[in-house]
Structures are given as structure tokens and as C-alpha cells.
Amino acid sequence: MELRHLEYFVAVAEERHFTRAAERMRVAQSGLSASIRALERDLDAVLFVRHTRRVELTDAGRALLAEAHRTLASAAAARNAVAAVRGLLRGSLAIGAEQCLGVIDMAPLVAAFRRAHPGVEIRLSYAGSGHLVEQVRLGRMHAAFVALPGTAPDGVRLLPVAGEHMMLLCHPAHALADSSSVAVGTLAGEEFVDFSADWGARRVNDLAFTRAGADRRIAVEVNDVHTLLDFVHQGLGIALVPAPVTRKPHAKGLHAATVAGPVPDWRVAVALPDGSPPGPATEALLRLALPKPPEGFP
């Protein structure tokens, strides 16, 4: 089994199309198809169901995909480790982050890393924490800055960075605007603006209402912080958000109150693959991001 065959396999699996995969890998489609056939012979298994306009993974293909990601990530880490011994830092670094984490400012962090290590190609993706953790688990990301309640899923370890309390935001004309503190159980009849289920703050909120034994109605579901604040400004719902969101300029004019009761903190952490140390590029990034590395960081 050759690494090149695995790279082509992953490209076809993600593109679901041989022609697009060949274009992505910058090879002739005939060569890519021959590599996939060679891989199938080597494994004695059919990896794709071929249709006229697309391909789909078979059960064997799905089983191979996760391992292929991990194998390719390990091979890249090995190359980078050897380069680091020679005093070089190169290769690629795929990272992710949820929006508005407060304790991590991604734009200056990425800029500082690129200035310090121009030989490393860095790719940053924003998404909900649930999706990011899954990308780390599958070996598609080297690290992700996330905010999740509870423990990490199998295959991922979380290095704690910081914690923030959840707070209420509402329109200044709302009945709750006279309150400096509210209990979760008293909010059951309110309409909420909240993030999609994949976001860390949403998971904290869902857990808080479950613990309080209260139901709630989400009137508006959004995928970015500024849109959430826009809807609260329009009086279309209240929101429970991490404290850093209340300090954003766009939140000016809204009423903020503390939240009492069984509300878990919103905890920022670095998600890393479990069972293997971070590569040199990941270590370099985290040392820039975290001047005081958390316990457990090498």
C-alpha cells in the first residue's frame, strides 16, 4: 500500500467524483483511477460504488477513510519531525476555531505564526465546536480551539485554556432588562435566539436547561455571533451567551445580566488527537497562542 494511493483515495472519497479528484490532485484521471484499482486489489475489497455522475463509499471504503486520514497525518508528522531536527519547520498545518472565543484572537495568531514560520502552509477553518472536534478525531485537523461542556470524545484530548460564565442578553425594553441576575428555571416561557446545535455555547445552554428541568423555545437559530446580536437588538428573543460576547462592540445597548442556577461554564480548550504528541508545527502554534501552556502540554 502506497501513501500516494491513500491520498488519491481520500480525494475521491471527499469529492465523490473521479474527475474532480484528479483535478484536485493535479494528475491524469486515468492515473488516479489506476491507483484506486491497485488499492482495491491490495485490500481485496471494493471501495467505491461507481455511478454515472458520482461515486459513493462502500462499507469497506468508509472503514478505510478514517484510517487513511490518520495514516496520512502520521506520515506528514514524521516528515515534519525529521525536518525539525534539521532546524527546519515546514509542511502544512490544518487548524480550526469556533467564532469569538474571547481568549484566542485567531487573526493576529495566524499572522504571527506565518511570519515566524514561512515554510509552513497553515489552513484555518471556522465551524461549531462539535464539527471541529470530529475533524480532529478523524485526523483532518491537527488542532482546534473549541468550547465544549463535558469530556472529549474517544480519540481526542482537550487541553483546558480558560473558562467564562454564561450571561443573559436582552433588548433594553424587555421585561428582564431590570434584572441584574436571572435563574435558568424562570426563563422557560421566553423566546430565544441561539446558535446551531453544533456550537459550544448552544450545548452549554441545552445542558443548563436539562439540569434545571425546564423547556425552552428557540425562535431563531443562527451560525454567527453578529447575526445573533442583530436579532436580540430587534427584540426577537433573548440569548444566553458567553461573557466575551457581551463585551463586543456590537452588543452595545443590550442589557446584560448574570445567570444563576445550575449553569455550566463555557470552557475554551485546545482539541488534539489523543494517543500521539503534537507535531512541531502544532507545538509552535500553541506556544504562540498560549504563553502559559496548559497542564498536559509538552
C-alpha atoms as a PDB file:
ATOM      1  CA  MET A   1       0.000   0.000   0.000  1.00  0.00           C
ATOM      2  CA  GLU A   2       1.459   3.358  -1.053  1.00  0.00           C
ATOM      3  CA  LEU A   3       0.771   6.705   0.569  1.00  0.00           C
ATOM      4  CA  ARG A   4       0.034   8.109  -2.864  1.00  0.00           C
ATOM      5  CA  HIS A   5      -2.788   5.590  -3.282  1.00  0.00           C
ATOM      6  CA  LEU A   6      -4.273   6.670   0.043  1.00  0.00           C
ATOM      7  CA  GLU A   7      -4.045  10.345  -0.948  1.00  0.00           C
ATOM      8  CA  TYR A   8      -5.933   9.626  -4.166  1.00  0.00           C
ATOM      9  CA  PHE A   9      -8.478   7.523  -2.294  1.00  0.00           C
ATOM     10  CA  VAL A  10      -9.185  10.367   0.178  1.00  0.00           C
ATOM     11  CA  ALA A  11      -9.563  12.853  -2.675  1.00  0.00           C
ATOM     12  CA  VAL A  12     -12.136  10.654  -4.455  1.00  0.00           C
ATOM     13  CA  ALA A  13     -13.977   9.985  -1.175  1.00  0.00           C
ATOM     14  CA  GLU A  14     -14.249  13.695  -0.394  1.00  0.00           C
ATOM     15  CA  GLU A  15     -15.022  14.886  -3.921  1.00  0.00           C
ATOM     16  CA  ARG A  16     -17.334  11.911  -4.706  1.00  0.00           C
ATOM     17  CA  HIS A  17     -16.140  12.237  -8.271  1.00  0.00           C
ATOM     18  CA  PHE A  18     -13.087  10.874 -10.080  1.00  0.00           C
ATOM     19  CA  THR A  19     -12.647  13.842 -12.435  1.00  0.00           C
ATOM     20  CA  ARG A  20     -12.816  16.440  -9.653  1.00  0.00           C
ATOM     21  CA  ALA A  21     -10.469  14.350  -7.514  1.00  0.00           C
ATOM     22  CA  ALA A  22      -7.958  14.149 -10.368  1.00  0.00           C
ATOM     23  CA  GLU A  23      -8.141  17.918 -10.834  1.00  0.00           C
ATOM     24  CA  ARG A  24      -7.630  18.447  -7.109  1.00  0.00           C
ATOM     25  CA  MET A  25      -4.576  16.165  -7.076  1.00  0.00           C
ATOM     26  CA  ARG A  26      -3.319  17.549 -10.408  1.00  0.00           C
ATOM     27  CA  VAL A  27      -2.970  14.145 -12.030  1.00  0.00           C
ATOM     28  CA  ALA A  28      -4.496  12.492 -15.044  1.00  0.00           C
ATOM     29  CA  GLN A  29      -7.798  10.792 -14.289  1.00  0.00           C
ATOM     30  CA  SER A  30      -6.520   7.556 -15.817  1.00  0.00           C
ATOM     31  CA  GLY A  31      -3.586   7.513 -13.378  1.00  0.00           C
ATOM     32  CA  LEU A  32      -5.817   8.243 -10.412  1.00  0.00           C
ATOM     33  CA  SER A  33      -8.274   5.508 -11.426  1.00  0.00           C
ATOM     34  CA  ALA A  34      -5.413   3.036 -11.820  1.00  0.00           C
ATOM     35  CA  SER A  35      -4.194   3.870  -8.295  1.00  0.00           C
ATOM     36  CA  ILE A  36      -7.663   3.264  -6.840  1.00  0.00           C
ATOM     37  CA  ARG A  37      -7.899  -0.085  -8.633  1.00  0.00           C
ATOM     38  CA  ALA A  38      -4.453  -1.028  -7.314  1.00  0.00           C
ATOM     39  CA  LEU A  39      -5.548  -0.126  -3.779  1.00  0.00           C
ATOM     40  CA  GLU A  40      -8.689  -2.215  -4.134  1.00  0.00           C
ATOM     41  CA  ARG A  41      -6.628  -5.180  -5.344  1.00  0.00           C
ATOM     42  CA  ASP A  42      -4.208  -4.740  -2.461  1.00  0.00           C
ATOM     43  CA  LEU A  43      -7.051  -4.713   0.071  1.00  0.00           C
ATOM     44  CA  ASP A  44      -9.152  -7.281  -1.787  1.00  0.00           C
ATOM     45  CA  ALA A  45     -12.182  -5.018  -1.372  1.00  0.00           C
ATOM     46  CA  VAL A  46     -14.344  -2.696  -3.463  1.00  0.00           C
ATOM     47  CA  LEU A  47     -14.007   0.807  -2.028  1.00  0.00           C
ATOM     48  CA  PHE A  48     -16.438   2.744  -4.212  1.00  0.00           C
ATOM     49  CA  VAL A  49     -19.796   2.208  -5.875  1.00  0.00           C
ATOM     50  CA  ARG A  50     -19.462   3.856  -9.266  1.00  0.00           C
ATOM     51  CA  HIS A  51     -22.471   5.743 -10.633  1.00  0.00           C
ATOM     52  CA  THR A  52     -22.706   7.747 -13.857  1.00  0.00           C
ATOM     53  CA  ARG A  53     -22.206  11.136 -12.203  1.00  0.00           C
ATOM     54  CA  ARG A  54     -20.831  10.332  -8.774  1.00  0.00           C
ATOM     55  CA  VAL A  55     -19.233   7.692  -6.617  1.00  0.00           C
ATOM     56  CA  GLU A  56     -20.169   6.543  -3.118  1.00  0.00           C
ATOM     57  CA  LEU A  57     -18.121   4.786  -0.487  1.00  0.00           C
ATOM     58  CA  THR A  58     -18.849   1.173   0.258  1.00  0.00           C
ATOM     59  CA  ASP A  59     -18.766  -0.101   3.842  1.00  0.00           C
ATOM     60  CA  ALA A  60     -15.139  -1.067   3.249  1.00  0.00           C
ATOM     61  CA  GLY A  61     -14.419   2.390   1.873  1.00  0.00           C
ATOM     62  CA  ARG A  62     -15.943   4.083   4.910  1.00  0.00           C
ATOM     63  CA  ALA A  63     -13.867   1.896   7.205  1.00  0.00           C
ATOM     64  CA  LEU A  64     -10.714   2.810   5.289  1.00  0.00           C
ATOM     65  CA  LEU A  65     -11.385   6.559   5.161  1.00  0.00           C
ATOM     66  CA  ALA A  66     -10.840   7.281   8.850  1.00  0.00           C
ATOM     67  CA  GLU A  67      -7.674   5.165   8.918  1.00  0.00           C
ATOM     68  CA  ALA A  68      -6.415   6.779   5.715  1.00  0.00           C
ATOM     69  CA  HIS A  69      -6.732  10.239   7.274  1.00  0.00           C
ATOM     70  CA  ARG A  70      -4.825   9.099  10.348  1.00  0.00           C
ATOM     71  CA  THR A  71      -2.128   7.364   8.291  1.00  0.00           C
ATOM     72  CA  LEU A  72      -1.553  10.398   6.088  1.00  0.00           C
ATOM     73  CA  ALA A  73      -1.465  12.683   9.128  1.00  0.00           C
ATOM     74  CA  SER A  74       1.099  10.420  10.801  1.00  0.00           C
ATOM     75  CA  ALA A  75       3.252  10.345   7.667  1.00  0.00           C
ATOM     76  CA  ALA A  76       3.175  14.152   7.475  1.00  0.00           C
ATOM     77  CA  ALA A  77       4.066  14.389  11.167  1.00  0.00           C
ATOM     78  CA  ALA A  78       7.034  12.053  10.613  1.00  0.00           C
ATOM     79  CA  ARG A  79       8.346  14.191   7.760  1.00  0.00           C
ATOM     80  CA  ASN A  80       7.904  17.357   9.799  1.00  0.00           C
ATOM     81  CA  ALA A  81       9.648  15.847  12.828  1.00  0.00           C
ATOM     82  CA  VAL A  82      12.702  14.987  10.748  1.00  0.00           C
ATOM     83  CA  ALA A  83      12.712  18.491   9.272  1.00  0.00           C
ATOM     84  CA  ALA A  84      12.511  19.959  12.790  1.00  0.00           C
ATOM     85  CA  VAL A  85      15.627  18.029  13.833  1.00  0.00           C
ATOM     86  CA  ARG A  86      17.413  19.688  10.936  1.00  0.00           C
ATOM     87  CA  GLY A  87      16.320  23.089  12.251  1.00  0.00           C
ATOM     88  CA  LEU A  88      13.509  23.488   9.718  1.00  0.00           C
ATOM     89  CA  LEU A  89       9.800  23.932  10.289  1.00  0.00           C
ATOM     90  CA  ARG A  90       7.808  23.166   7.189  1.00  0.00           C
ATOM     91  CA  GLY A  91       4.833  21.243   5.888  1.00  0.00           C
ATOM     92  CA  SER A  92       1.175  22.088   6.404  1.00  0.00           C
ATOM     93  CA  LEU A  93      -0.925  22.786   9.461  1.00  0.00           C
ATOM     94  CA  ALA A  94      -4.723  22.447   9.473  1.00  0.00           C
ATOM     95  CA  ILE A  95      -6.426  24.117  12.427  1.00  0.00           C
ATOM     96  CA  GLY A  96      -9.951  25.130  13.363  1.00  0.00           C
ATOM     97  CA  ALA A  97     -11.708  27.501  15.733  1.00  0.00           C
ATOM     98  CA  GLU A  98     -15.160  28.451  16.859  1.00  0.00           C
ATOM     99  CA  GLN A  99     -16.009  32.133  16.469  1.00  0.00           C
ATOM    100  CA  CYS A 100     -15.460  34.683  19.223  1.00  0.00           C
ATOM    101  CA  LEU A 101     -13.669  32.533  21.756  1.00  0.00           C
ATOM    102  CA  GLY A 102     -12.504  35.673  23.533  1.00  0.00           C
ATOM    103  CA  VAL A 103      -9.279  34.249  24.948  1.00  0.00           C
ATOM    104  CA  ILE A 104      -7.898  33.426  21.473  1.00  0.00           C
ATOM    105  CA  ASP A 105      -7.700  36.020  18.678  1.00  0.00           C
ATOM    106  CA  MET A 106      -7.121  33.953  15.553  1.00  0.00           C
ATOM    107  CA  ALA A 107      -6.201  36.636  13.001  1.00  0.00           C
ATOM    108  CA  PRO A 108      -3.099  38.012  14.796  1.00  0.00           C
ATOM    109  CA  LEU A 109      -2.188  34.488  15.918  1.00  0.00           C
ATOM    110  CA  VAL A 110      -2.126  33.144  12.357  1.00  0.00           C
ATOM    111  CA  ALA A 111      -0.288  36.247  11.136  1.00  0.00           C
ATOM    112  CA  ALA A 112       2.387  35.864  13.840  1.00  0.00           C
ATOM    113  CA  PHE A 113       2.806  32.182  13.033  1.00  0.00           C
ATOM    114  CA  ARG A 114       3.247  32.838   9.310  1.00  0.00           C
ATOM    115  CA  ARG A 115       5.859  35.500   9.993  1.00  0.00           C
ATOM    116  CA  ALA A 116       7.760  33.163  12.291  1.00  0.00           C
ATOM    117  CA  HIS A 117       7.423  30.047  10.121  1.00  0.00           C
ATOM    118  CA  PRO A 118       7.004  30.985   6.448  1.00  0.00           C
ATOM    119  CA  GLY A 119       7.794  27.415   5.374  1.00  0.00           C
ATOM    120  CA  VAL A 120       4.579  26.067   6.912  1.00  0.00           C
ATOM    121  CA  GLU A 121       1.322  26.296   4.990  1.00  0.00           C
ATOM    122  CA  ILE A 122      -1.441  26.997   7.515  1.00  0.00           C
ATOM    123  CA  ARG A 123      -5.143  26.435   6.842  1.00  0.00           C
ATOM    124  CA  LEU A 124      -7.767  27.784   9.250  1.00  0.00           C
ATOM    125  CA  SER A 125     -11.457  26.805   9.258  1.00  0.00           C
ATOM    126  CA  TYR A 126     -14.243  28.227  11.395  1.00  0.00           C
ATOM    127  CA  ALA A 127     -17.082  25.947  12.487  1.00  0.00           C
ATOM    128  CA  GLY A 128     -19.010  24.750  15.504  1.00  0.00           C
ATOM    129  CA  SER A 129     -17.005  23.018  18.202  1.00  0.00           C
ATOM    130  CA  GLY A 130     -18.729  19.680  17.646  1.00  0.00           C
ATOM    131  CA  HIS A 131     -17.680  19.595  13.995  1.00  0.00           C
ATOM    132  CA  LEU A 132     -14.144  20.720  14.810  1.00  0.00           C
ATOM    133  CA  VAL A 133     -13.627  18.013  17.413  1.00  0.00           C
ATOM    134  CA  GLU A 134     -14.782  15.402  14.900  1.00  0.00           C
ATOM    135  CA  GLN A 135     -12.299  16.731  12.332  1.00  0.00           C
ATOM    136  CA  VAL A 136      -9.502  16.367  14.896  1.00  0.00           C
ATOM    137  CA  ARG A 137     -10.670  12.845  15.758  1.00  0.00           C
ATOM    138  CA  LEU A 138     -10.617  11.851  12.087  1.00  0.00           C
ATOM    139  CA  GLY A 139      -7.127  13.266  11.594  1.00  0.00           C
ATOM    140  CA  ARG A 140      -8.301  16.034   9.244  1.00  0.00           C
ATOM    141  CA  MET A 141      -7.141  18.779  11.602  1.00  0.00           C
ATOM    142  CA  HIS A 142      -4.022  18.967  13.713  1.00  0.00           C
ATOM    143  CA  ALA A 143      -5.649  21.107  16.421  1.00  0.00           C
ATOM    144  CA  ALA A 144      -8.800  23.104  17.088  1.00  0.00           C
ATOM    145  CA  PHE A 145      -9.767  25.806  19.556  1.00  0.00           C
ATOM    146  CA  VAL A 146     -13.161  24.754  20.877  1.00  0.00           C
ATOM    147  CA  ALA A 147     -15.659  25.348  23.685  1.00  0.00           C
ATOM    148  CA  LEU A 148     -17.497  22.238  24.836  1.00  0.00           C
ATOM    149  CA  PRO A 149     -19.108  21.108  28.072  1.00  0.00           C
ATOM    150  CA  GLY A 150     -18.265  17.654  29.339  1.00  0.00           C
ATOM    151  CA  THR A 151     -15.486  15.326  28.307  1.00  0.00           C
ATOM    152  CA  ALA A 152     -13.815  14.823  24.965  1.00  0.00           C
ATOM    153  CA  PRO A 153     -14.961  12.008  22.667  1.00  0.00           C
ATOM    154  CA  ASP A 154     -12.764   8.966  22.160  1.00  0.00           C
ATOM    155  CA  GLY A 155      -9.690   9.769  20.102  1.00  0.00           C
ATOM    156  CA  VAL A 156      -9.479  13.411  21.218  1.00  0.00           C
ATOM    157  CA  ARG A 157      -7.949  15.067  24.253  1.00  0.00           C
ATOM    158  CA  LEU A 158      -8.851  18.547  25.453  1.00  0.00           C
ATOM    159  CA  LEU A 159      -6.271  20.859  26.999  1.00  0.00           C
ATOM    160  CA  PRO A 160      -8.175  23.468  29.065  1.00  0.00           C
ATOM    161  CA  VAL A 161      -7.330  27.083  28.309  1.00  0.00           C
ATOM    162  CA  ALA A 162      -9.863  29.320  30.081  1.00  0.00           C
ATOM    163  CA  GLY A 163     -13.422  29.455  31.352  1.00  0.00           C
ATOM    164  CA  GLU A 164     -16.148  32.099  31.164  1.00  0.00           C
ATOM    165  CA  HIS A 165     -19.596  32.398  32.736  1.00  0.00           C
ATOM    166  CA  MET A 166     -22.746  32.436  30.622  1.00  0.00           C
ATOM    167  CA  MET A 167     -24.753  35.669  30.638  1.00  0.00           C
ATOM    168  CA  LEU A 168     -28.177  36.843  29.537  1.00  0.00           C
ATOM    169  CA  LEU A 169     -28.555  39.417  26.770  1.00  0.00           C
ATOM    170  CA  CYS A 170     -31.885  41.077  26.031  1.00  0.00           C
ATOM    171  CA  HIS A 171     -33.358  44.184  24.418  1.00  0.00           C
ATOM    172  CA  PRO A 172     -33.425  47.167  26.815  1.00  0.00           C
ATOM    173  CA  ALA A 173     -37.239  47.265  26.543  1.00  0.00           C
ATOM    174  CA  HIS A 174     -37.579  43.613  27.559  1.00  0.00           C
ATOM    175  CA  ALA A 175     -39.126  42.824  30.954  1.00  0.00           C
ATOM    176  CA  LEU A 176     -35.852  41.227  32.072  1.00  0.00           C
ATOM    177  CA  ALA A 177     -33.881  44.439  31.444  1.00  0.00           C
ATOM    178  CA  ASP A 178     -34.488  45.453  35.073  1.00  0.00           C
ATOM    179  CA  SER A 179     -32.814  42.291  36.386  1.00  0.00           C
ATOM    180  CA  SER A 180     -29.164  42.059  37.309  1.00  0.00           C
ATOM    181  CA  SER A 181     -29.381  38.274  37.726  1.00  0.00           C
ATOM    182  CA  VAL A 182     -31.798  35.632  36.387  1.00  0.00           C
ATOM    183  CA  ALA A 183     -32.293  31.943  37.126  1.00  0.00           C
ATOM    184  CA  VAL A 184     -32.461  29.459  34.279  1.00  0.00           C
ATOM    185  CA  GLY A 185     -35.705  27.974  35.548  1.00  0.00           C
ATOM    186  CA  THR A 186     -37.507  31.339  35.239  1.00  0.00           C
ATOM    187  CA  LEU A 187     -36.709  31.635  31.514  1.00  0.00           C
ATOM    188  CA  ALA A 188     -38.810  28.693  30.316  1.00  0.00           C
ATOM    189  CA  GLY A 189     -41.520  30.890  28.783  1.00  0.00           C
ATOM    190  CA  GLU A 190     -39.128  33.130  26.844  1.00  0.00           C
ATOM    191  CA  GLU A 191     -38.240  33.005  23.168  1.00  0.00           C
ATOM    192  CA  PHE A 192     -34.537  32.522  22.497  1.00  0.00           C
ATOM    193  CA  VAL A 193     -32.035  33.399  19.828  1.00  0.00           C
ATOM    194  CA  ASP A 194     -29.328  30.747  19.914  1.00  0.00           C
ATOM    195  CA  PHE A 195     -26.594  29.137  17.885  1.00  0.00           C
ATOM    196  CA  SER A 196     -26.978  25.906  15.952  1.00  0.00           C
ATOM    197  CA  ALA A 197     -26.694  22.643  17.869  1.00  0.00           C
ATOM    198  CA  ASP A 198     -23.035  22.201  16.880  1.00  0.00           C
ATOM    199  CA  TRP A 199     -21.829  25.301  18.730  1.00  0.00           C
ATOM    200  CA  GLY A 200     -20.286  25.079  22.172  1.00  0.00           C
ATOM    201  CA  ALA A 201     -22.488  27.807  23.679  1.00  0.00           C
ATOM    202  CA  ARG A 202     -25.637  26.052  22.451  1.00  0.00           C
ATOM    203  CA  ARG A 203     -24.518  22.801  24.050  1.00  0.00           C
ATOM    204  CA  VAL A 204     -23.892  24.606  27.340  1.00  0.00           C
ATOM    205  CA  ASN A 205     -27.373  26.152  27.163  1.00  0.00           C
ATOM    206  CA  ASP A 206     -29.074  22.853  26.342  1.00  0.00           C
ATOM    207  CA  LEU A 207     -27.298  21.215  29.257  1.00  0.00           C
ATOM    208  CA  ALA A 208     -28.274  24.061  31.613  1.00  0.00           C
ATOM    209  CA  PHE A 209     -31.978  23.744  30.787  1.00  0.00           C
ATOM    210  CA  THR A 210     -31.823  19.974  31.075  1.00  0.00           C
ATOM    211  CA  ARG A 211     -30.297  20.272  34.532  1.00  0.00           C
ATOM    212  CA  ALA A 212     -32.948  22.820  35.517  1.00  0.00           C
ATOM    213  CA  GLY A 213     -35.719  20.526  34.232  1.00  0.00           C
ATOM    214  CA  ALA A 214     -37.083  23.359  32.074  1.00  0.00           C
ATOM    215  CA  ASP A 215     -38.104  23.561  28.425  1.00  0.00           C
ATOM    216  CA  ARG A 216     -37.368  26.481  26.156  1.00  0.00           C
ATOM    217  CA  ARG A 217     -38.354  27.681  22.715  1.00  0.00           C
ATOM    218  CA  ILE A 218     -35.652  28.692  20.228  1.00  0.00           C
ATOM    219  CA  ALA A 219     -37.277  31.167  17.856  1.00  0.00           C
ATOM    220  CA  VAL A 220     -34.159  31.962  15.826  1.00  0.00           C
ATOM    221  CA  GLU A 221     -31.147  29.716  15.211  1.00  0.00           C
ATOM    222  CA  VAL A 222     -28.001  31.333  13.778  1.00  0.00           C
ATOM    223  CA  ASN A 223     -24.447  30.447  12.838  1.00  0.00           C
ATOM    224  CA  ASP A 224     -22.536  33.596  13.727  1.00  0.00           C
ATOM    225  CA  VAL A 225     -22.293  35.942  16.676  1.00  0.00           C
ATOM    226  CA  HIS A 226     -23.129  39.210  14.936  1.00  0.00           C
ATOM    227  CA  THR A 227     -26.348  37.822  13.490  1.00  0.00           C
ATOM    228  CA  LEU A 228     -27.364  36.613  16.952  1.00  0.00           C
ATOM    229  CA  LEU A 229     -26.784  40.101  18.335  1.00  0.00           C
ATOM    230  CA  ASP A 230     -28.768  41.649  15.457  1.00  0.00           C
ATOM    231  CA  PHE A 231     -31.828  39.562  16.319  1.00  0.00           C
ATOM    232  CA  VAL A 232     -31.570  40.402  20.021  1.00  0.00           C
ATOM    233  CA  HIS A 233     -31.293  44.096  19.108  1.00  0.00           C
ATOM    234  CA  GLN A 234     -34.566  43.690  17.179  1.00  0.00           C
ATOM    235  CA  GLY A 235     -36.272  42.244  20.243  1.00  0.00           C
ATOM    236  CA  LEU A 236     -36.933  38.887  18.585  1.00  0.00           C
ATOM    237  CA  GLY A 237     -35.630  36.895  21.517  1.00  0.00           C
ATOM    238  CA  ILE A 238     -33.233  36.781  24.430  1.00  0.00           C
ATOM    239  CA  ALA A 239     -29.888  34.997  24.358  1.00  0.00           C
ATOM    240  CA  LEU A 240     -27.618  33.185  26.769  1.00  0.00           C
ATOM    241  CA  VAL A 241     -24.059  33.805  25.622  1.00  0.00           C
ATOM    242  CA  PRO A 242     -20.504  33.510  26.932  1.00  0.00           C
ATOM    243  CA  ALA A 243     -19.333  36.633  28.747  1.00  0.00           C
ATOM    244  CA  PRO A 244     -16.920  37.715  25.936  1.00  0.00           C
ATOM    245  CA  VAL A 245     -19.901  38.169  23.581  1.00  0.00           C
ATOM    246  CA  THR A 246     -21.431  40.770  25.921  1.00  0.00           C
ATOM    247  CA  ARG A 247     -18.227  42.826  25.624  1.00  0.00           C
ATOM    248  CA  LYS A 248     -18.311  43.018  21.835  1.00  0.00           C
ATOM    249  CA  PRO A 249     -18.972  46.495  20.358  1.00  0.00           C
ATOM    250  CA  HIS A 250     -21.987  45.077  18.508  1.00  0.00           C
ATOM    251  CA  ALA A 251     -23.592  44.202  21.865  1.00  0.00           C
ATOM    252  CA  LYS A 252     -23.617  47.850  22.961  1.00  0.00           C
ATOM    253  CA  GLY A 253     -27.098  48.943  24.001  1.00  0.00           C
ATOM    254  CA  LEU A 254     -28.265  45.487  25.030  1.00  0.00           C
ATOM    255  CA  HIS A 255     -28.914  44.635  28.659  1.00  0.00           C
ATOM    256  CA  ALA A 256     -26.605  42.015  30.190  1.00  0.00           C
ATOM    257  CA  ALA A 257     -27.352  40.046  33.355  1.00  0.00           C
ATOM    258  CA  THR A 258     -25.645  37.212  35.179  1.00  0.00           C
ATOM    259  CA  VAL A 259     -27.244  33.774  35.138  1.00  0.00           C
ATOM    260  CA  ALA A 260     -27.855  31.957  38.403  1.00  0.00           C
ATOM    261  CA  GLY A 261     -28.507  28.295  38.899  1.00  0.00           C
ATOM    262  CA  PRO A 262     -27.016  25.069  37.541  1.00  0.00           C
ATOM    263  CA  VAL A 263     -25.328  26.619  34.515  1.00  0.00           C
ATOM    264  CA  PRO A 264     -22.042  25.031  33.406  1.00  0.00           C
ATOM    265  CA  ASP A 265     -19.248  27.382  32.471  1.00  0.00           C
ATOM    266  CA  TRP A 266     -18.295  27.907  28.858  1.00  0.00           C
ATOM    267  CA  ARG A 267     -14.808  26.398  28.734  1.00  0.00           C
ATOM    268  CA  VAL A 268     -12.295  27.046  25.951  1.00  0.00           C
ATOM    269  CA  ALA A 269      -9.864  24.224  25.213  1.00  0.00           C
ATOM    270  CA  VAL A 270      -7.445  23.010  22.581  1.00  0.00           C
ATOM    271  CA  ALA A 271      -8.592  19.773  20.934  1.00  0.00           C
ATOM    272  CA  LEU A 272      -5.718  17.492  19.911  1.00  0.00           C
ATOM    273  CA  PRO A 273      -5.578  13.908  18.641  1.00  0.00           C
ATOM    274  CA  ASP A 274      -5.304  11.505  21.553  1.00  0.00           C
ATOM    275  CA  GLY A 275      -2.513   8.959  21.725  1.00  0.00           C
ATOM    276  CA  SER A 276       0.107  10.906  19.776  1.00  0.00           C
ATOM    277  CA  PRO A 277       2.120  14.027  20.623  1.00  0.00           C
ATOM    278  CA  PRO A 278       1.507  17.194  18.593  1.00  0.00           C
ATOM    279  CA  GLY A 279       3.862  17.741  15.687  1.00  0.00           C
ATOM    280  CA  PRO A 280       6.481  20.528  15.672  1.00  0.00           C
ATOM    281  CA  ALA A 281       4.256  22.964  13.755  1.00  0.00           C
ATOM    282  CA  THR A 282       1.329  22.384  16.136  1.00  0.00           C
ATOM    283  CA  GLU A 283       3.611  22.904  19.134  1.00  0.00           C
ATOM    284  CA  ALA A 284       4.958  26.127  17.632  1.00  0.00           C
ATOM    285  CA  LEU A 285       1.438  27.449  17.053  1.00  0.00           C
ATOM    286  CA  LEU A 286       0.257  26.607  20.556  1.00  0.00           C
ATOM    287  CA  ARG A 287       3.306  28.195  22.158  1.00  0.00           C
ATOM    288  CA  LEU A 288       2.401  31.408  20.332  1.00  0.00           C
ATOM    289  CA  ALA A 289      -1.265  31.102  21.271  1.00  0.00           C
ATOM    290  CA  LEU A 290      -0.738  30.136  24.900  1.00  0.00           C
ATOM    291  CA  PRO A 291       2.146  31.990  26.562  1.00  0.00           C
ATOM    292  CA  LYS A 292       1.393  29.894  29.663  1.00  0.00           C
ATOM    293  CA  PRO A 293       0.752  26.427  28.213  1.00  0.00           C
ATOM    294  CA  PRO A 294      -1.987  24.436  29.997  1.00  0.00           C
ATOM    295  CA  GLU A 295      -1.170  21.410  32.093  1.00  0.00           C
ATOM    296  CA  GLY A 296      -0.505  18.392  29.896  1.00  0.00           C
ATOM    297  CA  PHE A 297       1.026  20.356  27.027  1.00  0.00           C
ATOM    298  CA  PRO A 298       4.503  19.047  26.187  1.00  0.00           C
END
